[in-house]
Amino acid sequence: MEPYHNRLQSIPPSGRLALAVSVMDWTLEEMGPMQAGVVRDYITESMEAAHEAVRSGSDELTLSEEMLDSWNDVDDQADEPGTTHIMSAILACADAPERLSGEVLFGVLCFCYEALRERFETSSVGLEAERESAKCVEAISFQKARVEDFLRG
């Protein structure tokens, strides 16, 4: 994804949020069902707010102070592989001081990739293992295609 890093800022702000939400949606779908509980509820509520922000054409995800303040407590309970990374992606969209800049968006894409890599981790580690992982390759291919869609407008 590195070749796209500097190009993300050229996507309009509301497009950056829409891109982030579409990648988070896809990532969550690929991760599969999560155990019932506070982590799933937090992610569900956050993504509902994200979808509403995109529908309204907003360029930022606004979560309540209560949601933002509870992130650490919820994350402490995020035992399922990948859930901390997807929660980090959501937090990056909602709590970045510079809003959802191209740099922050790149971080969101990385968190989504890491969520899947961790969720479907094999016993092998390293870049070569990731290149041989169908799920890692699929995640990068999806992200590249979505970025290209948004760069074309």
C-alpha atoms as a PDB file:
ATOM      1  CA  MET A   1       0.000   0.000   0.000  1.00  0.00           C
ATOM      2  CA  GLU A   2       3.007   2.297   0.351  1.00  0.00           C
ATOM      3  CA  PRO A   3       2.702   3.663  -3.240  1.00  0.00           C
ATOM      4  CA  TYR A   4      -0.738   5.029  -2.272  1.00  0.00           C
ATOM      5  CA  HIS A   5       0.434   6.616   0.971  1.00  0.00           C
ATOM      6  CA  ASN A   6       1.035  10.138  -0.348  1.00  0.00           C
ATOM      7  CA  ARG A   7      -1.918  10.048  -2.736  1.00  0.00           C
ATOM      8  CA  LEU A   8      -4.579   9.594  -0.048  1.00  0.00           C
ATOM      9  CA  GLN A   9      -4.563  13.284   0.884  1.00  0.00           C
ATOM     10  CA  SER A  10      -5.845  14.110  -2.639  1.00  0.00           C
ATOM     11  CA  ILE A  11      -9.142  12.350  -1.874  1.00  0.00           C
ATOM     12  CA  PRO A  12     -11.712  14.901  -0.619  1.00  0.00           C
ATOM     13  CA  PRO A  13     -12.290  14.733   3.164  1.00  0.00           C
ATOM     14  CA  SER A  14     -15.765  13.177   2.962  1.00  0.00           C
ATOM     15  CA  GLY A  15     -14.362  10.658   0.490  1.00  0.00           C
ATOM     16  CA  ARG A  16     -11.585   9.739   2.910  1.00  0.00           C
ATOM     17  CA  LEU A  17     -14.197   8.922   5.553  1.00  0.00           C
ATOM     18  CA  ALA A  18     -16.301   6.950   3.065  1.00  0.00           C
ATOM     19  CA  LEU A  19     -13.196   5.020   1.995  1.00  0.00           C
ATOM     20  CA  ALA A  20     -12.234   4.289   5.596  1.00  0.00           C
ATOM     21  CA  VAL A  21     -15.744   3.074   6.439  1.00  0.00           C
ATOM     22  CA  SER A  22     -15.950   0.868   3.344  1.00  0.00           C
ATOM     23  CA  VAL A  23     -12.618  -0.775   4.196  1.00  0.00           C
ATOM     24  CA  MET A  24     -13.641  -1.238   7.841  1.00  0.00           C
ATOM     25  CA  ASP A  25     -16.961  -2.774   6.720  1.00  0.00           C
ATOM     26  CA  TRP A  26     -15.194  -5.214   4.415  1.00  0.00           C
ATOM     27  CA  THR A  27     -12.650  -6.065   7.094  1.00  0.00           C
ATOM     28  CA  LEU A  28     -15.356  -6.777   9.660  1.00  0.00           C
ATOM     29  CA  GLU A  29     -17.200  -8.972   7.172  1.00  0.00           C
ATOM     30  CA  GLU A  30     -14.021 -10.901   6.413  1.00  0.00           C
ATOM     31  CA  MET A  31     -13.247 -11.287  10.111  1.00  0.00           C
ATOM     32  CA  GLY A  32     -16.528 -13.123  10.580  1.00  0.00           C
ATOM     33  CA  PRO A  33     -18.760 -13.195  13.637  1.00  0.00           C
ATOM     34  CA  MET A  34     -17.509 -11.886  16.936  1.00  0.00           C
ATOM     35  CA  GLN A  35     -18.415 -13.144  20.344  1.00  0.00           C
ATOM     36  CA  ALA A  36     -21.305 -11.313  21.959  1.00  0.00           C
ATOM     37  CA  GLY A  37     -20.242  -8.766  24.502  1.00  0.00           C
ATOM     38  CA  VAL A  38     -18.946  -5.291  25.102  1.00  0.00           C
ATOM     39  CA  VAL A  39     -16.362  -5.355  22.275  1.00  0.00           C
ATOM     40  CA  ARG A  40     -18.874  -6.381  19.606  1.00  0.00           C
ATOM     41  CA  ASP A  41     -21.371  -3.829  20.957  1.00  0.00           C
ATOM     42  CA  TYR A  42     -18.738  -1.067  20.862  1.00  0.00           C
ATOM     43  CA  ILE A  43     -17.779  -1.898  17.285  1.00  0.00           C
ATOM     44  CA  THR A  44     -21.416  -2.163  16.173  1.00  0.00           C
ATOM     45  CA  GLU A  45     -22.381   1.170  17.738  1.00  0.00           C
ATOM     46  CA  SER A  46     -19.278   2.886  16.333  1.00  0.00           C
ATOM     47  CA  MET A  47     -19.899   1.555  12.835  1.00  0.00           C
ATOM     48  CA  GLU A  48     -23.532   2.677  12.975  1.00  0.00           C
ATOM     49  CA  ALA A  49     -22.266   6.187  13.734  1.00  0.00           C
ATOM     50  CA  ALA A  50     -19.738   5.851  10.881  1.00  0.00           C
ATOM     51  CA  HIS A  51     -22.433   4.847   8.402  1.00  0.00           C
ATOM     52  CA  GLU A  52     -24.601   7.764   9.484  1.00  0.00           C
ATOM     53  CA  ALA A  53     -21.662  10.158   9.022  1.00  0.00           C
ATOM     54  CA  VAL A  54     -21.055   8.839   5.493  1.00  0.00           C
ATOM     55  CA  ARG A  55     -24.773   9.010   4.609  1.00  0.00           C
ATOM     56  CA  SER A  56     -24.870  12.643   5.741  1.00  0.00           C
ATOM     57  CA  GLY A  57     -21.777  13.514   3.659  1.00  0.00           C
ATOM     58  CA  SER A  58     -19.707  14.332   6.724  1.00  0.00           C
ATOM     59  CA  ASP A  59     -15.933  14.316   6.677  1.00  0.00           C
ATOM     60  CA  GLU A  60     -15.586  13.150  10.262  1.00  0.00           C
ATOM     61  CA  LEU A  61     -16.787  10.390  12.524  1.00  0.00           C
ATOM     62  CA  THR A  62     -18.130  11.790  15.751  1.00  0.00           C
ATOM     63  CA  LEU A  63     -18.393   9.434  18.697  1.00  0.00           C
ATOM     64  CA  SER A  64     -19.758  10.490  22.065  1.00  0.00           C
ATOM     65  CA  GLU A  65     -17.291  11.395  24.791  1.00  0.00           C
ATOM     66  CA  GLU A  66     -18.533   8.330  26.647  1.00  0.00           C
ATOM     67  CA  MET A  67     -17.595   6.105  23.682  1.00  0.00           C
ATOM     68  CA  LEU A  68     -14.187   7.732  23.320  1.00  0.00           C
ATOM     69  CA  ASP A  69     -13.527   7.548  27.058  1.00  0.00           C
ATOM     70  CA  SER A  70     -14.517   3.874  27.246  1.00  0.00           C
ATOM     71  CA  TRP A  71     -12.139   2.754  24.454  1.00  0.00           C
ATOM     72  CA  ASN A  72      -9.355   1.576  26.793  1.00  0.00           C
ATOM     73  CA  ASP A  73     -11.739  -0.334  29.048  1.00  0.00           C
ATOM     74  CA  VAL A  74     -13.372  -2.015  26.061  1.00  0.00           C
ATOM     75  CA  ASP A  75     -10.005  -2.756  24.467  1.00  0.00           C
ATOM     76  CA  ASP A  76      -8.895  -4.464  27.673  1.00  0.00           C
ATOM     77  CA  GLN A  77     -11.622  -7.017  26.931  1.00  0.00           C
ATOM     78  CA  ALA A  78     -10.740  -7.421  23.238  1.00  0.00           C
ATOM     79  CA  ASP A  79      -9.425 -10.970  23.412  1.00  0.00           C
ATOM     80  CA  GLU A  80     -10.451 -12.113  19.943  1.00  0.00           C
ATOM     81  CA  PRO A  81      -7.722 -11.842  17.307  1.00  0.00           C
ATOM     82  CA  GLY A  82      -8.005  -8.675  15.244  1.00  0.00           C
ATOM     83  CA  THR A  83     -10.505  -6.825  17.406  1.00  0.00           C
ATOM     84  CA  THR A  84      -8.019  -4.391  18.912  1.00  0.00           C
ATOM     85  CA  HIS A  85      -6.850  -3.421  15.409  1.00  0.00           C
ATOM     86  CA  ILE A  86     -10.364  -2.775  14.109  1.00  0.00           C
ATOM     87  CA  MET A  87     -11.146  -0.766  17.242  1.00  0.00           C
ATOM     88  CA  SER A  88      -7.962   1.230  16.605  1.00  0.00           C
ATOM     89  CA  ALA A  89      -9.123   1.930  13.048  1.00  0.00           C
ATOM     90  CA  ILE A  90     -12.428   3.252  14.376  1.00  0.00           C
ATOM     91  CA  LEU A  91     -10.685   5.384  17.004  1.00  0.00           C
ATOM     92  CA  ALA A  92      -8.319   6.812  14.389  1.00  0.00           C
ATOM     93  CA  CYS A  93     -11.322   7.974  12.360  1.00  0.00           C
ATOM     94  CA  ALA A  94     -12.981   9.552  15.392  1.00  0.00           C
ATOM     95  CA  ASP A  95     -10.171  10.959  17.468  1.00  0.00           C
ATOM     96  CA  ALA A  96      -7.325  12.161  15.243  1.00  0.00           C
ATOM     97  CA  PRO A  97      -6.297  15.719  16.149  1.00  0.00           C
ATOM     98  CA  GLU A  98      -5.807  16.542  12.442  1.00  0.00           C
ATOM     99  CA  ARG A  99      -9.102  14.811  11.549  1.00  0.00           C
ATOM    100  CA  LEU A 100      -9.064  12.148   8.877  1.00  0.00           C
ATOM    101  CA  SER A 101      -6.040  13.328   6.919  1.00  0.00           C
ATOM    102  CA  GLY A 102      -4.403  11.172   4.265  1.00  0.00           C
ATOM    103  CA  GLU A 103      -1.855  10.132   6.885  1.00  0.00           C
ATOM    104  CA  VAL A 104      -4.549   9.063   9.355  1.00  0.00           C
ATOM    105  CA  LEU A 105      -6.413   7.232   6.577  1.00  0.00           C
ATOM    106  CA  PHE A 106      -3.237   5.301   5.750  1.00  0.00           C
ATOM    107  CA  GLY A 107      -3.127   4.276   9.413  1.00  0.00           C
ATOM    108  CA  VAL A 108      -6.757   3.122   9.239  1.00  0.00           C
ATOM    109  CA  LEU A 109      -5.940   0.970   6.206  1.00  0.00           C
ATOM    110  CA  CYS A 110      -2.959  -0.504   8.068  1.00  0.00           C
ATOM    111  CA  PHE A 111      -5.083  -1.268  11.147  1.00  0.00           C
ATOM    112  CA  CYS A 112      -7.640  -3.057   8.944  1.00  0.00           C
ATOM    113  CA  TYR A 113      -4.915  -5.107   7.277  1.00  0.00           C
ATOM    114  CA  GLU A 114      -3.416  -5.993  10.650  1.00  0.00           C
ATOM    115  CA  ALA A 115      -6.841  -7.021  11.969  1.00  0.00           C
ATOM    116  CA  LEU A 116      -7.134  -9.622   9.221  1.00  0.00           C
ATOM    117  CA  ARG A 117      -3.514 -10.689   9.424  1.00  0.00           C
ATOM    118  CA  GLU A 118      -3.885 -11.312  13.143  1.00  0.00           C
ATOM    119  CA  ARG A 119      -7.310 -12.956  12.794  1.00  0.00           C
ATOM    120  CA  PHE A 120      -6.051 -15.463  10.218  1.00  0.00           C
ATOM    121  CA  GLU A 121      -2.437 -15.679  11.351  1.00  0.00           C
ATOM    122  CA  THR A 122      -0.559 -18.789  10.445  1.00  0.00           C
ATOM    123  CA  SER A 123       2.389 -20.189  12.311  1.00  0.00           C
ATOM    124  CA  SER A 124       4.749 -18.463   9.855  1.00  0.00           C
ATOM    125  CA  VAL A 125       5.813 -14.877  10.420  1.00  0.00           C
ATOM    126  CA  GLY A 126       7.311 -12.184   8.222  1.00  0.00           C
ATOM    127  CA  LEU A 127       6.729 -10.476   4.921  1.00  0.00           C
ATOM    128  CA  GLU A 128       7.177 -13.634   2.870  1.00  0.00           C
ATOM    129  CA  ALA A 129       4.540 -15.441   4.942  1.00  0.00           C
ATOM    130  CA  GLU A 130       2.161 -12.517   4.442  1.00  0.00           C
ATOM    131  CA  ARG A 131       2.737 -12.630   0.678  1.00  0.00           C
ATOM    132  CA  GLU A 132       1.852 -16.322   0.757  1.00  0.00           C
ATOM    133  CA  SER A 133      -1.277 -15.752   2.830  1.00  0.00           C
ATOM    134  CA  ALA A 134      -4.390 -15.646   0.641  1.00  0.00           C
ATOM    135  CA  LYS A 135      -6.180 -13.473   3.219  1.00  0.00           C
ATOM    136  CA  CYS A 136      -3.350 -10.906   3.363  1.00  0.00           C
ATOM    137  CA  VAL A 137      -3.129 -10.746  -0.441  1.00  0.00           C
ATOM    138  CA  GLU A 138      -6.919 -10.391  -0.672  1.00  0.00           C
ATOM    139  CA  ALA A 139      -6.915  -7.561   1.879  1.00  0.00           C
ATOM    140  CA  ILE A 140      -4.260  -5.584  -0.002  1.00  0.00           C
ATOM    141  CA  SER A 141      -6.008  -6.177  -3.337  1.00  0.00           C
ATOM    142  CA  PHE A 142      -9.319  -4.969  -1.924  1.00  0.00           C
ATOM    143  CA  GLN A 143      -7.763  -1.887  -0.342  1.00  0.00           C
ATOM    144  CA  LYS A 144      -5.909  -0.972  -3.543  1.00  0.00           C
ATOM    145  CA  ALA A 145      -9.093  -1.302  -5.592  1.00  0.00           C
ATOM    146  CA  ARG A 146     -11.077   0.876  -3.159  1.00  0.00           C
ATOM    147  CA  VAL A 147      -8.352   3.532  -3.073  1.00  0.00           C
ATOM    148  CA  GLU A 148      -8.254   3.572  -6.884  1.00  0.00           C
ATOM    149  CA  ASP A 149     -12.056   3.975  -6.966  1.00  0.00           C
ATOM    150  CA  PHE A 150     -11.870   6.981  -4.675  1.00  0.00           C
ATOM    151  CA  LEU A 151      -8.879   8.531  -6.460  1.00  0.00           C
ATOM    152  CA  ARG A 152     -10.856   8.408  -9.718  1.00  0.00           C
ATOM    153  CA  GLY A 153     -13.759  10.110  -7.985  1.00  0.00           C
END
